[in-house]
Amino acid sequence: MSLESDDLTPKQLTKLYLARLAEKAPGYSVEVRVPPYGAVQAVEGGRHTRGTPRAVVETDPDTWLAVATGRLSWTEAVDSGRVRASGERTDLSAYLPLT
């Protein structure tokens, strides 16, 4: 699937950009959650295997698509509360945008 396709649903786009993040920032130290559509583990560092991850990023699909495509900066999203990031290595600005 091409990210340029107008036929993709928000769910499909969310999953595609989550997968792209996991490719661009491989690892298991941060869990990135975009409910209800998906979650990935990314960013090099300590491995999370069970229970609550040490580092979590969570946002809604609209905000995720905005930061993934560069329509909204990571800093603006976090400062406005549209992205909740807790723990080490949760600053994803080095990996964004994903386009």
PDB file of N, CA and C in Angstrom:
ATOM      1  N   MET A   1       0.831  -1.185   0.000  1.00  0.00           N
ATOM      2  CA  MET A   1       0.000   0.000   0.000  1.00  0.00           C
ATOM      3  C   MET A   1       0.872   1.244   0.000  1.00  0.00           C
ATOM      4  N   SER A   2       0.496   2.174  -0.809  1.00  0.00           N
ATOM      5  CA  SER A   2       1.225   3.434  -0.878  1.00  0.00           C
ATOM      6  C   SER A   2       0.628   4.424   0.108  1.00  0.00           C
ATOM      7  N   LEU A   3       1.489   5.170   0.773  1.00  0.00           N
ATOM      8  CA  LEU A   3       1.009   6.174   1.717  1.00  0.00           C
ATOM      9  C   LEU A   3       0.367   7.354   1.003  1.00  0.00           C
ATOM     10  N   GLU A   4       0.562   7.453  -0.299  1.00  0.00           N
ATOM     11  CA  GLU A   4      -0.029   8.551  -1.053  1.00  0.00           C
ATOM     12  C   GLU A   4      -1.466   8.258  -1.490  1.00  0.00           C
ATOM     13  N   SER A   5      -1.916   7.056  -1.302  1.00  0.00           N
ATOM     14  CA  SER A   5      -3.232   6.657  -1.774  1.00  0.00           C
ATOM     15  C   SER A   5      -4.341   7.372  -1.002  1.00  0.00           C
ATOM     16  N   ASP A   6      -5.286   7.935  -1.747  1.00  0.00           N
ATOM     17  CA  ASP A   6      -6.456   8.573  -1.121  1.00  0.00           C
ATOM     18  C   ASP A   6      -7.460   7.535  -0.642  1.00  0.00           C
ATOM     19  N   ASP A   7      -7.235   6.279  -0.989  1.00  0.00           N
ATOM     20  CA  ASP A   7      -8.184   5.224  -0.643  1.00  0.00           C
ATOM     21  C   ASP A   7      -7.927   4.603   0.726  1.00  0.00           C
ATOM     22  N   LEU A   8      -6.857   5.002   1.395  1.00  0.00           N
ATOM     23  CA  LEU A   8      -6.539   4.404   2.684  1.00  0.00           C
ATOM     24  C   LEU A   8      -7.377   5.017   3.798  1.00  0.00           C
ATOM     25  N   THR A   9      -7.806   4.182   4.709  1.00  0.00           N
ATOM     26  CA  THR A   9      -8.574   4.636   5.860  1.00  0.00           C
ATOM     27  C   THR A   9      -7.615   5.173   6.926  1.00  0.00           C
ATOM     28  N   PRO A  10      -8.122   5.943   7.876  1.00  0.00           N
ATOM     29  CA  PRO A  10      -7.267   6.378   8.986  1.00  0.00           C
ATOM     30  C   PRO A  10      -6.624   5.194   9.720  1.00  0.00           C
ATOM     31  N   LYS A  11      -7.357   4.105   9.862  1.00  0.00           N
ATOM     32  CA  LYS A  11      -6.799   2.921  10.522  1.00  0.00           C
ATOM     33  C   LYS A  11      -5.602   2.385   9.737  1.00  0.00           C
ATOM     34  N   GLN A  12      -5.743   2.272   8.422  1.00  0.00           N
ATOM     35  CA  GLN A  12      -4.648   1.772   7.602  1.00  0.00           C
ATOM     36  C   GLN A  12      -3.442   2.705   7.649  1.00  0.00           C
ATOM     37  N   LEU A  13      -3.695   3.998   7.551  1.00  0.00           N
ATOM     38  CA  LEU A  13      -2.598   4.968   7.606  1.00  0.00           C
ATOM     39  C   LEU A  13      -1.891   4.924   8.956  1.00  0.00           C
ATOM     40  N   THR A  14      -2.652   4.830  10.025  1.00  0.00           N
ATOM     41  CA  THR A  14      -2.064   4.751  11.366  1.00  0.00           C
ATOM     42  C   THR A  14      -1.139   3.553  11.472  1.00  0.00           C
ATOM     43  N   LYS A  15      -1.610   2.390  11.041  1.00  0.00           N
ATOM     44  CA  LYS A  15      -0.803   1.177  11.106  1.00  0.00           C
ATOM     45  C   LYS A  15       0.441   1.280  10.224  1.00  0.00           C
ATOM     46  N   LEU A  16       0.295   1.872   9.046  1.00  0.00           N
ATOM     47  CA  LEU A  16       1.442   2.028   8.152  1.00  0.00           C
ATOM     48  C   LEU A  16       2.503   2.941   8.757  1.00  0.00           C
ATOM     49  N   TYR A  17       2.081   4.054   9.344  1.00  0.00           N
ATOM     50  CA  TYR A  17       3.050   4.971   9.952  1.00  0.00           C
ATOM     51  C   TYR A  17       3.658   4.390  11.230  1.00  0.00           C
ATOM     52  N   LEU A  18       2.923   3.598  11.978  1.00  0.00           N
ATOM     53  CA  LEU A  18       3.509   2.909  13.124  1.00  0.00           C
ATOM     54  C   LEU A  18       4.588   1.931  12.653  1.00  0.00           C
ATOM     55  N   ALA A  19       4.299   1.197  11.587  1.00  0.00           N
ATOM     56  CA  ALA A  19       5.283   0.263  11.040  1.00  0.00           C
ATOM     57  C   ALA A  19       6.514   1.010  10.525  1.00  0.00           C
ATOM     58  N   ARG A  20       6.302   2.149   9.909  1.00  0.00           N
ATOM     59  CA  ARG A  20       7.423   2.945   9.411  1.00  0.00           C
ATOM     60  C   ARG A  20       8.287   3.442  10.581  1.00  0.00           C
ATOM     61  N   LEU A  21       7.660   3.835  11.692  1.00  0.00           N
ATOM     62  CA  LEU A  21       8.424   4.240  12.861  1.00  0.00           C
ATOM     63  C   LEU A  21       9.275   3.078  13.366  1.00  0.00           C
ATOM     64  N   ALA A  22       8.690   1.887  13.452  1.00  0.00           N
ATOM     65  CA  ALA A  22       9.430   0.718  13.925  1.00  0.00           C
ATOM     66  C   ALA A  22      10.615   0.401  13.013  1.00  0.00           C
ATOM     67  N   GLU A  23      10.482   0.664  11.723  1.00  0.00           N
ATOM     68  CA  GLU A  23      11.586   0.463  10.784  1.00  0.00           C
ATOM     69  C   GLU A  23      12.659   1.538  10.953  1.00  0.00           C
ATOM     70  N   LYS A  24      12.222   2.775  11.135  1.00  0.00           N
ATOM     71  CA  LYS A  24      13.154   3.903  11.230  1.00  0.00           C
ATOM     72  C   LYS A  24      13.865   3.946  12.582  1.00  0.00           C
ATOM     73  N   ALA A  25      13.201   3.464  13.621  1.00  0.00           N
ATOM     74  CA  ALA A  25      13.746   3.482  14.979  1.00  0.00           C
ATOM     75  C   ALA A  25      13.595   2.097  15.599  1.00  0.00           C
ATOM     76  N   PRO A  26      14.333   1.113  15.073  1.00  0.00           N
ATOM     77  CA  PRO A  26      14.156  -0.252  15.585  1.00  0.00           C
ATOM     78  C   PRO A  26      14.580  -0.369  17.049  1.00  0.00           C
ATOM     79  N   GLY A  27      13.857  -1.193  17.758  1.00  0.00           N
ATOM     80  CA  GLY A  27      14.170  -1.425  19.162  1.00  0.00           C
ATOM     81  C   GLY A  27      12.916  -1.761  19.944  1.00  0.00           C
ATOM     82  N   TYR A  28      13.088  -1.823  21.260  1.00  0.00           N
ATOM     83  CA  TYR A  28      11.984  -2.257  22.125  1.00  0.00           C
ATOM     84  C   TYR A  28      11.842  -1.426  23.382  1.00  0.00           C
ATOM     85  N   SER A  29      12.462  -0.254  23.444  1.00  0.00           N
ATOM     86  CA  SER A  29      12.468   0.485  24.705  1.00  0.00           C
ATOM     87  C   SER A  29      11.264   1.398  24.897  1.00  0.00           C
ATOM     88  N   VAL A  30      10.558   1.730  23.821  1.00  0.00           N
ATOM     89  CA  VAL A  30       9.401   2.628  23.912  1.00  0.00           C
ATOM     90  C   VAL A  30       8.208   1.963  23.247  1.00  0.00           C
ATOM     91  N   GLU A  31       7.087   1.949  23.938  1.00  0.00           N
ATOM     92  CA  GLU A  31       5.854   1.467  23.330  1.00  0.00           C
ATOM     93  C   GLU A  31       5.057   2.674  22.863  1.00  0.00           C
ATOM     94  N   VAL A  32       4.744   2.709  21.582  1.00  0.00           N
ATOM     95  CA  VAL A  32       3.968   3.797  20.986  1.00  0.00           C
ATOM     96  C   VAL A  32       2.571   3.257  20.734  1.00  0.00           C
ATOM     97  N   ARG A  33       1.593   3.873  21.394  1.00  0.00           N
ATOM     98  CA  ARG A  33       0.200   3.410  21.330  1.00  0.00           C
ATOM     99  C   ARG A  33      -0.666   4.450  20.639  1.00  0.00           C
ATOM    100  N   VAL A  34      -1.460   3.979  19.690  1.00  0.00           N
ATOM    101  CA  VAL A  34      -2.432   4.830  19.005  1.00  0.00           C
ATOM    102  C   VAL A  34      -3.761   4.073  19.018  1.00  0.00           C
ATOM    103  N   PRO A  35      -4.439   4.108  20.173  1.00  0.00           N
ATOM    104  CA  PRO A  35      -5.704   3.378  20.259  1.00  0.00           C
ATOM    105  C   PRO A  35      -6.793   4.051  19.428  1.00  0.00           C
ATOM    106  N   PRO A  36      -7.682   3.299  18.848  1.00  0.00           N
ATOM    107  CA  PRO A  36      -7.828   1.849  18.973  1.00  0.00           C
ATOM    108  C   PRO A  36      -7.130   1.078  17.854  1.00  0.00           C
ATOM    109  N   TYR A  37      -6.245   1.721  17.112  1.00  0.00           N
ATOM    110  CA  TYR A  37      -5.730   1.121  15.882  1.00  0.00           C
ATOM    111  C   TYR A  37      -4.452   0.317  15.998  1.00  0.00           C
ATOM    112  N   GLY A  38      -3.590   0.620  16.943  1.00  0.00           N
ATOM    113  CA  GLY A  38      -2.368  -0.166  16.990  1.00  0.00           C
ATOM    114  C   GLY A  38      -1.347   0.351  17.980  1.00  0.00           C
ATOM    115  N   ALA A  39      -0.278  -0.426  18.093  1.00  0.00           N
ATOM    116  CA  ALA A  39       0.848  -0.074  18.955  1.00  0.00           C
ATOM    117  C   ALA A  39       2.080  -0.789  18.423  1.00  0.00           C
ATOM    118  N   VAL A  40       3.239  -0.176  18.631  1.00  0.00           N
ATOM    119  CA  VAL A  40       4.504  -0.807  18.268  1.00  0.00           C
ATOM    120  C   VAL A  40       5.518  -0.536  19.363  1.00  0.00           C
ATOM    121  N   GLN A  41       6.514  -1.383  19.411  1.00  0.00           N
ATOM    122  CA  GLN A  41       7.674  -1.114  20.243  1.00  0.00           C
ATOM    123  C   GLN A  41       8.775  -0.631  19.312  1.00  0.00           C
ATOM    124  N   ALA A  42       9.455   0.422  19.727  1.00  0.00           N
ATOM    125  CA  ALA A  42      10.469   1.051  18.884  1.00  0.00           C
ATOM    126  C   ALA A  42      11.556   1.654  19.758  1.00  0.00           C
ATOM    127  N   VAL A  43      12.563   2.160  19.160  1.00  0.00           N
ATOM    128  CA  VAL A  43      13.673   2.899  19.756  1.00  0.00           C
ATOM    129  C   VAL A  43      14.627   1.945  20.486  1.00  0.00           C
ATOM    130  N   GLU A  44      15.875   2.030  20.100  1.00  0.00           N
ATOM    131  CA  GLU A  44      16.919   1.203  20.677  1.00  0.00           C
ATOM    132  C   GLU A  44      17.043   1.462  22.175  1.00  0.00           C
ATOM    133  N   GLY A  45      17.312   0.413  22.909  1.00  0.00           N
ATOM    134  CA  GLY A  45      17.480   0.527  24.354  1.00  0.00           C
ATOM    135  C   GLY A  45      17.022  -0.746  25.031  1.00  0.00           C
ATOM    136  N   GLY A  46      16.702  -0.645  26.308  1.00  0.00           N
ATOM    137  CA  GLY A  46      16.274  -1.809  27.082  1.00  0.00           C
ATOM    138  C   GLY A  46      15.021  -2.438  26.523  1.00  0.00           C
ATOM    139  N   ARG A  47      14.950  -3.731  26.597  1.00  0.00           N
ATOM    140  CA  ARG A  47      13.827  -4.487  26.040  1.00  0.00           C
ATOM    141  C   ARG A  47      12.684  -4.590  27.053  1.00  0.00           C
ATOM    142  N   HIS A  48      11.466  -4.355  26.576  1.00  0.00           N
ATOM    143  CA  HIS A  48      10.262  -4.513  27.394  1.00  0.00           C
ATOM    144  C   HIS A  48       9.637  -5.855  27.038  1.00  0.00           C
ATOM    145  N   THR A  49       9.365  -6.697  28.041  1.00  0.00           N
ATOM    146  CA  THR A  49       8.817  -8.017  27.738  1.00  0.00           C
ATOM    147  C   THR A  49       7.464  -8.298  28.386  1.00  0.00           C
ATOM    148  N   ARG A  50       7.227  -7.776  29.603  1.00  0.00           N
ATOM    149  CA  ARG A  50       5.951  -8.053  30.284  1.00  0.00           C
ATOM    150  C   ARG A  50       5.535  -6.868  31.121  1.00  0.00           C
ATOM    151  N   GLY A  51       4.253  -6.788  31.393  1.00  0.00           N
ATOM    152  CA  GLY A  51       3.755  -5.742  32.275  1.00  0.00           C
ATOM    153  C   GLY A  51       3.783  -4.372  31.625  1.00  0.00           C
ATOM    154  N   THR A  52       3.764  -3.366  32.456  1.00  0.00           N
ATOM    155  CA  THR A  52       3.743  -1.986  31.973  1.00  0.00           C
ATOM    156  C   THR A  52       5.126  -1.588  31.478  1.00  0.00           C
ATOM    157  N   PRO A  53       5.212  -1.083  30.245  1.00  0.00           N
ATOM    158  CA  PRO A  53       6.508  -0.656  29.717  1.00  0.00           C
ATOM    159  C   PRO A  53       7.081   0.515  30.518  1.00  0.00           C
ATOM    160  N   ARG A  54       8.407   0.646  30.514  1.00  0.00           N
ATOM    161  CA  ARG A  54       9.062   1.755  31.208  1.00  0.00           C
ATOM    162  C   ARG A  54       8.856   3.071  30.480  1.00  0.00           C
ATOM    163  N   ALA A  55       8.655   3.011  29.171  1.00  0.00           N
ATOM    164  CA  ALA A  55       8.488   4.224  28.382  1.00  0.00           C
ATOM    165  C   ALA A  55       7.296   4.042  27.447  1.00  0.00           C
ATOM    166  N   VAL A  56       6.350   4.980  27.525  1.00  0.00           N
ATOM    167  CA  VAL A  56       5.128   4.881  26.733  1.00  0.00           C
ATOM    168  C   VAL A  56       4.814   6.224  26.090  1.00  0.00           C
ATOM    169  N   VAL A  57       4.435   6.151  24.825  1.00  0.00           N
ATOM    170  CA  VAL A  57       3.906   7.298  24.095  1.00  0.00           C
ATOM    171  C   VAL A  57       2.498   6.914  23.682  1.00  0.00           C
ATOM    172  N   GLU A  58       1.535   7.794  23.939  1.00  0.00           N
ATOM    173  CA  GLU A  58       0.159   7.499  23.546  1.00  0.00           C
ATOM    174  C   GLU A  58      -0.492   8.746  22.974  1.00  0.00           C
ATOM    175  N   THR A  59      -1.234   8.544  21.897  1.00  0.00           N
ATOM    176  CA  THR A  59      -1.958   9.639  21.266  1.00  0.00           C
ATOM    177  C   THR A  59      -3.131   9.085  20.474  1.00  0.00           C
ATOM    178  N   ASP A  60      -3.962   9.966  19.978  1.00  0.00           N
ATOM    179  CA  ASP A  60      -5.102   9.568  19.153  1.00  0.00           C
ATOM    180  C   ASP A  60      -4.658   9.476  17.690  1.00  0.00           C
ATOM    181  N   PRO A  61      -5.444   8.799  16.853  1.00  0.00           N
ATOM    182  CA  PRO A  61      -5.063   8.633  15.454  1.00  0.00           C
ATOM    183  C   PRO A  61      -4.859   9.945  14.687  1.00  0.00           C
ATOM    184  N   ASP A  62      -5.712  10.937  14.884  1.00  0.00           N
ATOM    185  CA  ASP A  62      -5.552  12.202  14.156  1.00  0.00           C
ATOM    186  C   ASP A  62      -4.234  12.884  14.493  1.00  0.00           C
ATOM    187  N   THR A  63      -3.878  12.891  15.767  1.00  0.00           N
ATOM    188  CA  THR A  63      -2.614  13.505  16.177  1.00  0.00           C
ATOM    189  C   THR A  63      -1.436  12.695  15.646  1.00  0.00           C
ATOM    190  N   TRP A  64      -1.514  11.374  15.719  1.00  0.00           N
ATOM    191  CA  TRP A  64      -0.438  10.539  15.205  1.00  0.00           C
ATOM    192  C   TRP A  64      -0.196  10.818  13.720  1.00  0.00           C
ATOM    193  N   LEU A  65      -1.254  10.886  12.948  1.00  0.00           N
ATOM    194  CA  LEU A  65      -1.093  11.153  11.515  1.00  0.00           C
ATOM    195  C   LEU A  65      -0.517  12.546  11.282  1.00  0.00           C
ATOM    196  N   ALA A  66      -0.886  13.510  12.117  1.00  0.00           N
ATOM    197  CA  ALA A  66      -0.356  14.867  11.971  1.00  0.00           C
ATOM    198  C   ALA A  66       1.142  14.919  12.261  1.00  0.00           C
ATOM    199  N   VAL A  67       1.606  14.256  13.320  1.00  0.00           N
ATOM    200  CA  VAL A  67       3.041  14.282  13.609  1.00  0.00           C
ATOM    201  C   VAL A  67       3.817  13.387  12.643  1.00  0.00           C
ATOM    202  N   ALA A  68       3.219  12.296  12.231  1.00  0.00           N
ATOM    203  CA  ALA A  68       3.895  11.386  11.292  1.00  0.00           C
ATOM    204  C   ALA A  68       4.133  12.039   9.939  1.00  0.00           C
ATOM    205  N   THR A  69       3.238  12.921   9.544  1.00  0.00           N
ATOM    206  CA  THR A  69       3.358  13.568   8.231  1.00  0.00           C
ATOM    207  C   THR A  69       3.979  14.952   8.301  1.00  0.00           C
ATOM    208  N   GLY A  70       4.279  15.425   9.508  1.00  0.00           N
ATOM    209  CA  GLY A  70       4.910  16.730   9.649  1.00  0.00           C
ATOM    210  C   GLY A  70       3.948  17.901   9.690  1.00  0.00           C
ATOM    211  N   ARG A  71       2.657  17.630   9.739  1.00  0.00           N
ATOM    212  CA  ARG A  71       1.690  18.725   9.845  1.00  0.00           C
ATOM    213  C   ARG A  71       1.661  19.326  11.254  1.00  0.00           C
ATOM    214  N   LEU A  72       2.179  18.584  12.225  1.00  0.00           N
ATOM    215  CA  LEU A  72       2.255  19.026  13.618  1.00  0.00           C
ATOM    216  C   LEU A  72       3.617  18.580  14.145  1.00  0.00           C
ATOM    217  N   SER A  73       4.334  19.482  14.802  1.00  0.00           N
ATOM    218  CA  SER A  73       5.641  19.099  15.335  1.00  0.00           C
ATOM    219  C   SER A  73       5.465  18.270  16.607  1.00  0.00           C
ATOM    220  N   TRP A  74       6.469  17.467  16.890  1.00  0.00           N
ATOM    221  CA  TRP A  74       6.455  16.643  18.090  1.00  0.00           C
ATOM    222  C   TRP A  74       6.335  17.519  19.331  1.00  0.00           C
ATOM    223  N   THR A  75       7.119  18.585  19.373  1.00  0.00           N
ATOM    224  CA  THR A  75       7.106  19.482  20.533  1.00  0.00           C
ATOM    225  C   THR A  75       5.732  20.099  20.738  1.00  0.00           C
ATOM    226  N   GLU A  76       5.115  20.571  19.670  1.00  0.00           N
ATOM    227  CA  GLU A  76       3.769  21.150  19.781  1.00  0.00           C
ATOM    228  C   GLU A  76       2.769  20.115  20.283  1.00  0.00           C
ATOM    229  N   ALA A  77       2.875  18.899  19.778  1.00  0.00           N
ATOM    230  CA  ALA A  77       1.939  17.847  20.169  1.00  0.00           C
ATOM    231  C   ALA A  77       2.078  17.495  21.652  1.00  0.00           C
ATOM    232  N   VAL A  78       3.315  17.397  22.129  1.00  0.00           N
ATOM    233  CA  VAL A  78       3.541  17.079  23.550  1.00  0.00           C
ATOM    234  C   VAL A  78       3.137  18.254  24.431  1.00  0.00           C
ATOM    235  N   ASP A  79       3.574  19.457  24.055  1.00  0.00           N
ATOM    236  CA  ASP A  79       3.278  20.638  24.880  1.00  0.00           C
ATOM    237  C   ASP A  79       1.778  20.906  24.994  1.00  0.00           C
ATOM    238  N   SER A  80       1.024  20.581  23.954  1.00  0.00           N
ATOM    239  CA  SER A  80      -0.418  20.819  23.978  1.00  0.00           C
ATOM    240  C   SER A  80      -1.191  19.695  24.672  1.00  0.00           C
ATOM    241  N   GLY A  81      -0.488  18.617  25.017  1.00  0.00           N
ATOM    242  CA  GLY A  81      -1.158  17.490  25.663  1.00  0.00           C
ATOM    243  C   GLY A  81      -1.800  16.519  24.693  1.00  0.00           C
ATOM    244  N   ARG A  82      -1.626  16.739  23.411  1.00  0.00           N
ATOM    245  CA  ARG A  82      -2.204  15.822  22.420  1.00  0.00           C
ATOM    246  C   ARG A  82      -1.429  14.506  22.354  1.00  0.00           C
ATOM    247  N   VAL A  83      -0.170  14.537  22.782  1.00  0.00           N
ATOM    248  CA  VAL A  83       0.652  13.331  22.922  1.00  0.00           C
ATOM    249  C   VAL A  83       1.066  13.245  24.375  1.00  0.00           C
ATOM    250  N   ARG A  84       0.900  12.071  24.968  1.00  0.00           N
ATOM    251  CA  ARG A  84       1.364  11.813  26.324  1.00  0.00           C
ATOM    252  C   ARG A  84       2.596  10.928  26.217  1.00  0.00           C
ATOM    253  N   ALA A  85       3.715  11.410  26.732  1.00  0.00           N
ATOM    254  CA  ALA A  85       4.976  10.669  26.652  1.00  0.00           C
ATOM    255  C   ALA A  85       5.594  10.605  28.038  1.00  0.00           C
ATOM    256  N   SER A  86       5.860   9.385  28.506  1.00  0.00           N
ATOM    257  CA  SER A  86       6.476   9.226  29.823  1.00  0.00           C
ATOM    258  C   SER A  86       7.580   8.183  29.741  1.00  0.00           C
ATOM    259  N   GLY A  87       8.658   8.461  30.449  1.00  0.00           N
ATOM    260  CA  GLY A  87       9.777   7.539  30.479  1.00  0.00           C
ATOM    261  C   GLY A  87      10.922   7.998  29.594  1.00  0.00           C
ATOM    262  N   GLU A  88      11.999   7.239  29.630  1.00  0.00           N
ATOM    263  CA  GLU A  88      13.193   7.552  28.852  1.00  0.00           C
ATOM    264  C   GLU A  88      12.974   7.279  27.373  1.00  0.00           C
ATOM    265  N   ARG A  89      13.650   8.047  26.549  1.00  0.00           N
ATOM    266  CA  ARG A  89      13.680   7.873  25.098  1.00  0.00           C
ATOM    267  C   ARG A  89      12.340   8.118  24.414  1.00  0.00           C
ATOM    268  N   THR A  90      11.434   8.830  25.048  1.00  0.00           N
ATOM    269  CA  THR A  90      10.122   9.054  24.435  1.00  0.00           C
ATOM    270  C   THR A  90      10.075  10.283  23.541  1.00  0.00           C
ATOM    271  N   ASP A  91      11.173  11.010  23.404  1.00  0.00           N
ATOM    272  CA  ASP A  91      11.211  12.127  22.467  1.00  0.00           C
ATOM    273  C   ASP A  91      11.453  11.550  21.073  1.00  0.00           C
ATOM    274  N   LEU A  92      10.408  11.476  20.286  1.00  0.00           N
ATOM    275  CA  LEU A  92      10.495  10.871  18.957  1.00  0.00           C
ATOM    276  C   LEU A  92      10.811  11.882  17.861  1.00  0.00           C
ATOM    277  N   SER A  93      11.128  13.108  18.228  1.00  0.00           N
ATOM    278  CA  SER A  93      11.329  14.163  17.227  1.00  0.00           C
ATOM    279  C   SER A  93      12.442  13.828  16.232  1.00  0.00           C
ATOM    280  N   ALA A  94      13.442  13.062  16.635  1.00  0.00           N
ATOM    281  CA  ALA A  94      14.532  12.714  15.719  1.00  0.00           C
ATOM    282  C   ALA A  94      14.078  11.787  14.596  1.00  0.00           C
ATOM    283  N   TYR A  95      12.952  11.131  14.766  1.00  0.00           N
ATOM    284  CA  TYR A  95      12.461  10.164  13.786  1.00  0.00           C
ATOM    285  C   TYR A  95      11.311  10.705  12.942  1.00  0.00           C
ATOM    286  N   LEU A  96      10.849  11.889  13.263  1.00  0.00           N
ATOM    287  CA  LEU A  96       9.671  12.456  12.593  1.00  0.00           C
ATOM    288  C   LEU A  96      10.064  13.636  11.721  1.00  0.00           C
ATOM    289  N   PRO A  97       9.355  13.913  10.655  1.00  0.00           N
ATOM    290  CA  PRO A  97       8.203  13.159  10.153  1.00  0.00           C
ATOM    291  C   PRO A  97       8.644  11.855   9.499  1.00  0.00           C
ATOM    292  N   LEU A  98       7.674  10.993   9.241  1.00  0.00           N
ATOM    293  CA  LEU A  98       7.927   9.670   8.680  1.00  0.00           C
ATOM    294  C   LEU A  98       7.669   9.605   7.180  1.00  0.00           C
ATOM    295  N   THR A  99       7.413  10.735   6.564  1.00  0.00           N
ATOM    296  CA  THR A  99       7.120  10.744   5.123  1.00  0.00           C
ATOM    297  C   THR A  99       8.383  10.811   4.314  1.00  0.00           C
TER     298      THR A  99
END
